[in-house]
Amino acid sequence: MPKDSNIVHQYFRKELEDLTILVRVNPIQLKGMEITLSKDGQPEVRELEFDDEIFEDLKADGFTEASPLEFNLYYSGLMD
C-alpha cells in the first residue's frame, strides 16, 4: 500500500454563473476536498469521500481537469 505522501492527487474545476468549484481527488483512498468559490464570499472547504465512479461522475457533471497550483493557492489562503 502506498504511503500518503506518495499519492498523486487529481484536480478538477467547474465554473458556474456565480461560483467556481475546485475538487481534489485522492485516487487511491477515494477521498478528497472541494473548495467552493463564490463571487462575493469566502471560500468554503469540504472534505469528501468518493465511490469508484468519481471520475465518470465528475466528467458527467461538466468538470474539467485543473491545476494543482490553483487548488493549493486557494486551500492555503493565498488567493481569495
N, C-alpha and C. Protein backbone atom coordinates (compact mmCIF):
# COMPACT_ATOMS: atom_id res chain seq x y z
N MET A 1 0.85 -1.19 0.00
CA MET A 1 0.00 0.00 0.00
C MET A 1 0.89 1.24 0.00
N PRO A 2 0.63 2.19 -0.89
CA PRO A 2 1.45 3.40 -0.94
C PRO A 2 1.26 4.26 0.29
N LYS A 3 2.28 4.98 0.61
CA LYS A 3 2.19 5.93 1.71
C LYS A 3 1.43 7.15 1.24
N ASP A 4 0.81 7.88 2.18
CA ASP A 4 0.03 9.07 1.83
C ASP A 4 0.86 10.09 1.06
N SER A 5 2.14 10.20 1.38
CA SER A 5 2.97 11.21 0.73
C SER A 5 3.32 10.85 -0.72
N ASN A 6 3.08 9.60 -1.11
CA ASN A 6 3.40 9.17 -2.47
C ASN A 6 2.21 9.25 -3.42
N ILE A 7 1.08 9.71 -2.95
CA ILE A 7 -0.13 9.75 -3.76
C ILE A 7 -0.13 11.00 -4.63
N VAL A 8 -0.43 10.82 -5.90
CA VAL A 8 -0.57 11.95 -6.82
C VAL A 8 -2.06 12.26 -6.95
N HIS A 9 -2.48 13.36 -6.35
CA HIS A 9 -3.88 13.76 -6.40
C HIS A 9 -4.25 14.22 -7.81
N GLN A 10 -5.53 14.15 -8.10
CA GLN A 10 -6.05 14.66 -9.37
C GLN A 10 -6.99 15.83 -9.05
N TYR A 11 -6.95 16.84 -9.90
CA TYR A 11 -7.66 18.09 -9.64
C TYR A 11 -8.64 18.39 -10.76
N PHE A 12 -9.80 18.94 -10.37
CA PHE A 12 -10.86 19.23 -11.33
C PHE A 12 -11.48 20.58 -11.00
N ARG A 13 -12.12 21.17 -12.02
CA ARG A 13 -12.68 22.51 -11.89
C ARG A 13 -13.99 22.59 -12.68
N LYS A 14 -14.93 23.36 -12.12
CA LYS A 14 -16.18 23.63 -12.82
C LYS A 14 -16.57 25.07 -12.53
N GLU A 15 -16.91 25.81 -13.58
CA GLU A 15 -17.35 27.19 -13.41
C GLU A 15 -18.84 27.28 -13.67
N LEU A 16 -19.54 27.92 -12.75
CA LEU A 16 -20.95 28.22 -12.91
C LEU A 16 -21.10 29.73 -12.97
N GLU A 17 -22.31 30.20 -13.13
CA GLU A 17 -22.53 31.63 -13.29
C GLU A 17 -21.99 32.45 -12.12
N ASP A 18 -22.25 32.01 -10.90
CA ASP A 18 -21.86 32.81 -9.74
C ASP A 18 -20.87 32.13 -8.81
N LEU A 19 -20.32 30.98 -9.22
CA LEU A 19 -19.32 30.32 -8.38
C LEU A 19 -18.43 29.39 -9.18
N THR A 20 -17.31 29.05 -8.56
CA THR A 20 -16.36 28.10 -9.14
C THR A 20 -16.15 26.99 -8.12
N ILE A 21 -16.10 25.75 -8.59
CA ILE A 21 -15.89 24.61 -7.72
C ILE A 21 -14.58 23.94 -8.12
N LEU A 22 -13.69 23.77 -7.15
CA LEU A 22 -12.42 23.07 -7.34
C LEU A 22 -12.46 21.78 -6.52
N VAL A 23 -12.02 20.68 -7.10
CA VAL A 23 -12.06 19.39 -6.41
C VAL A 23 -10.69 18.73 -6.49
N ARG A 24 -10.24 18.19 -5.35
CA ARG A 24 -9.02 17.38 -5.30
C ARG A 24 -9.43 15.95 -4.95
N VAL A 25 -8.96 14.99 -5.75
CA VAL A 25 -9.31 13.58 -5.54
C VAL A 25 -8.05 12.78 -5.27
N ASN A 26 -8.07 12.02 -4.19
CA ASN A 26 -7.04 11.03 -3.91
C ASN A 26 -7.52 9.74 -4.59
N PRO A 27 -6.91 9.34 -5.71
CA PRO A 27 -7.43 8.20 -6.47
C PRO A 27 -7.19 6.84 -5.81
N ILE A 28 -6.35 6.78 -4.80
CA ILE A 28 -6.08 5.53 -4.10
C ILE A 28 -7.10 5.31 -2.98
N GLN A 29 -7.28 6.31 -2.13
CA GLN A 29 -8.18 6.20 -0.99
C GLN A 29 -9.60 6.68 -1.28
N LEU A 30 -9.82 7.27 -2.46
CA LEU A 30 -11.11 7.81 -2.87
C LEU A 30 -11.64 8.82 -1.85
N LYS A 31 -10.76 9.69 -1.42
CA LYS A 31 -11.11 10.80 -0.53
C LYS A 31 -10.65 12.08 -1.20
N GLY A 32 -11.15 13.19 -0.73
CA GLY A 32 -10.72 14.44 -1.33
C GLY A 32 -11.29 15.66 -0.66
N MET A 33 -11.16 16.79 -1.34
CA MET A 33 -11.66 18.06 -0.84
C MET A 33 -12.31 18.82 -1.98
N GLU A 34 -13.26 19.65 -1.58
CA GLU A 34 -13.93 20.54 -2.52
C GLU A 34 -13.83 21.95 -1.98
N ILE A 35 -13.45 22.88 -2.84
CA ILE A 35 -13.45 24.30 -2.49
C ILE A 35 -14.48 24.97 -3.38
N THR A 36 -15.45 25.62 -2.75
CA THR A 36 -16.46 26.37 -3.48
C THR A 36 -16.14 27.85 -3.34
N LEU A 37 -15.94 28.51 -4.47
CA LEU A 37 -15.57 29.92 -4.50
C LEU A 37 -16.73 30.72 -5.06
N SER A 38 -17.41 31.47 -4.19
CA SER A 38 -18.48 32.34 -4.68
C SER A 38 -17.88 33.67 -5.09
N LYS A 39 -18.56 34.38 -5.95
CA LYS A 39 -18.04 35.65 -6.46
C LYS A 39 -17.97 36.73 -5.38
N ASP A 40 -18.78 36.60 -4.34
CA ASP A 40 -18.84 37.65 -3.33
C ASP A 40 -18.59 37.18 -1.90
N GLY A 41 -18.11 35.95 -1.71
CA GLY A 41 -17.93 35.44 -0.35
C GLY A 41 -16.62 34.72 -0.13
N GLN A 42 -16.50 34.16 1.05
CA GLN A 42 -15.32 33.40 1.42
C GLN A 42 -15.35 32.01 0.79
N PRO A 43 -14.20 31.44 0.52
CA PRO A 43 -14.16 30.06 0.02
C PRO A 43 -14.70 29.09 1.08
N GLU A 44 -15.46 28.12 0.64
CA GLU A 44 -15.98 27.09 1.54
C GLU A 44 -15.27 25.78 1.21
N VAL A 45 -14.67 25.15 2.22
CA VAL A 45 -13.90 23.92 2.02
C VAL A 45 -14.64 22.76 2.69
N ARG A 46 -14.78 21.66 1.95
CA ARG A 46 -15.41 20.46 2.50
C ARG A 46 -14.54 19.24 2.20
N GLU A 47 -14.44 18.35 3.18
CA GLU A 47 -13.78 17.06 2.95
C GLU A 47 -14.83 16.09 2.42
N LEU A 48 -14.43 15.26 1.45
CA LEU A 48 -15.38 14.37 0.80
C LEU A 48 -14.83 12.95 0.72
N GLU A 49 -15.75 11.99 0.63
CA GLU A 49 -15.41 10.60 0.34
C GLU A 49 -16.13 10.23 -0.94
N PHE A 50 -15.44 9.53 -1.84
CA PHE A 50 -15.99 9.22 -3.16
C PHE A 50 -16.18 7.72 -3.32
N ASP A 51 -16.94 7.36 -4.36
CA ASP A 51 -17.02 5.95 -4.75
C ASP A 51 -16.10 5.73 -5.96
N ASP A 52 -16.05 4.51 -6.43
CA ASP A 52 -15.10 4.20 -7.51
C ASP A 52 -15.51 4.74 -8.87
N GLU A 53 -16.65 5.41 -8.95
CA GLU A 53 -17.10 6.02 -10.21
C GLU A 53 -16.92 7.53 -10.21
N ILE A 54 -16.10 8.06 -9.31
CA ILE A 54 -15.96 9.50 -9.17
C ILE A 54 -15.52 10.18 -10.46
N PHE A 55 -14.61 9.59 -11.19
CA PHE A 55 -14.10 10.25 -12.40
C PHE A 55 -15.17 10.34 -13.48
N GLU A 56 -15.98 9.30 -13.61
CA GLU A 56 -17.10 9.34 -14.56
C GLU A 56 -18.13 10.37 -14.11
N ASP A 57 -18.38 10.44 -12.79
CA ASP A 57 -19.35 11.41 -12.26
C ASP A 57 -18.89 12.84 -12.50
N LEU A 58 -17.62 13.12 -12.26
CA LEU A 58 -17.10 14.48 -12.48
C LEU A 58 -17.22 14.87 -13.95
N LYS A 59 -16.89 13.95 -14.84
CA LYS A 59 -16.99 14.23 -16.27
C LYS A 59 -18.45 14.49 -16.66
N ALA A 60 -19.37 13.67 -16.17
CA ALA A 60 -20.79 13.84 -16.48
C ALA A 60 -21.34 15.16 -15.95
N ASP A 61 -20.77 15.64 -14.84
CA ASP A 61 -21.22 16.90 -14.24
C ASP A 61 -20.53 18.13 -14.84
N GLY A 62 -19.69 17.92 -15.83
CA GLY A 62 -19.07 19.05 -16.52
C GLY A 62 -17.78 19.56 -15.93
N PHE A 63 -17.14 18.78 -15.05
CA PHE A 63 -15.84 19.17 -14.50
C PHE A 63 -14.75 18.89 -15.53
N THR A 64 -13.73 19.73 -15.54
CA THR A 64 -12.57 19.53 -16.40
C THR A 64 -11.33 19.41 -15.51
N GLU A 65 -10.26 18.84 -16.06
CA GLU A 65 -9.03 18.74 -15.29
C GLU A 65 -8.52 20.14 -14.98
N ALA A 66 -7.92 20.29 -13.80
CA ALA A 66 -7.50 21.61 -13.33
C ALA A 66 -6.07 21.57 -12.81
N SER A 67 -5.59 22.74 -12.47
CA SER A 67 -4.23 22.91 -11.98
C SER A 67 -4.13 22.66 -10.48
N PRO A 68 -3.18 21.83 -10.05
CA PRO A 68 -2.95 21.66 -8.62
C PRO A 68 -2.55 22.98 -7.96
N LEU A 69 -1.84 23.83 -8.69
CA LEU A 69 -1.40 25.11 -8.14
C LEU A 69 -2.59 25.97 -7.75
N GLU A 70 -3.57 26.09 -8.62
CA GLU A 70 -4.75 26.91 -8.30
C GLU A 70 -5.45 26.39 -7.06
N PHE A 71 -5.69 25.07 -7.00
CA PHE A 71 -6.36 24.49 -5.84
C PHE A 71 -5.58 24.80 -4.56
N ASN A 72 -4.28 24.57 -4.58
CA ASN A 72 -3.48 24.74 -3.38
C ASN A 72 -3.32 26.19 -2.96
N LEU A 73 -3.34 27.12 -3.90
CA LEU A 73 -3.31 28.54 -3.53
C LEU A 73 -4.58 28.94 -2.79
N TYR A 74 -5.73 28.49 -3.26
CA TYR A 74 -6.98 28.78 -2.55
C TYR A 74 -7.02 28.05 -1.21
N TYR A 75 -6.60 26.79 -1.19
CA TYR A 75 -6.64 26.00 0.04
C TYR A 75 -5.74 26.59 1.12
N SER A 76 -4.60 27.12 0.74
CA SER A 76 -3.67 27.70 1.71
C SER A 76 -4.06 29.12 2.12
N GLY A 77 -5.05 29.70 1.42
CA GLY A 77 -5.50 31.04 1.76
C GLY A 77 -4.70 32.14 1.09
N LEU A 78 -3.84 31.80 0.14
CA LEU A 78 -3.03 32.81 -0.53
C LEU A 78 -3.79 33.54 -1.63
N MET A 79 -4.93 33.00 -2.03
CA MET A 79 -5.79 33.67 -3.02
C MET A 79 -7.19 33.78 -2.43
N ASP A 80 -7.91 34.84 -2.81
CA ASP A 80 -9.31 34.96 -2.41
C ASP A 80 -10.16 35.39 -3.55
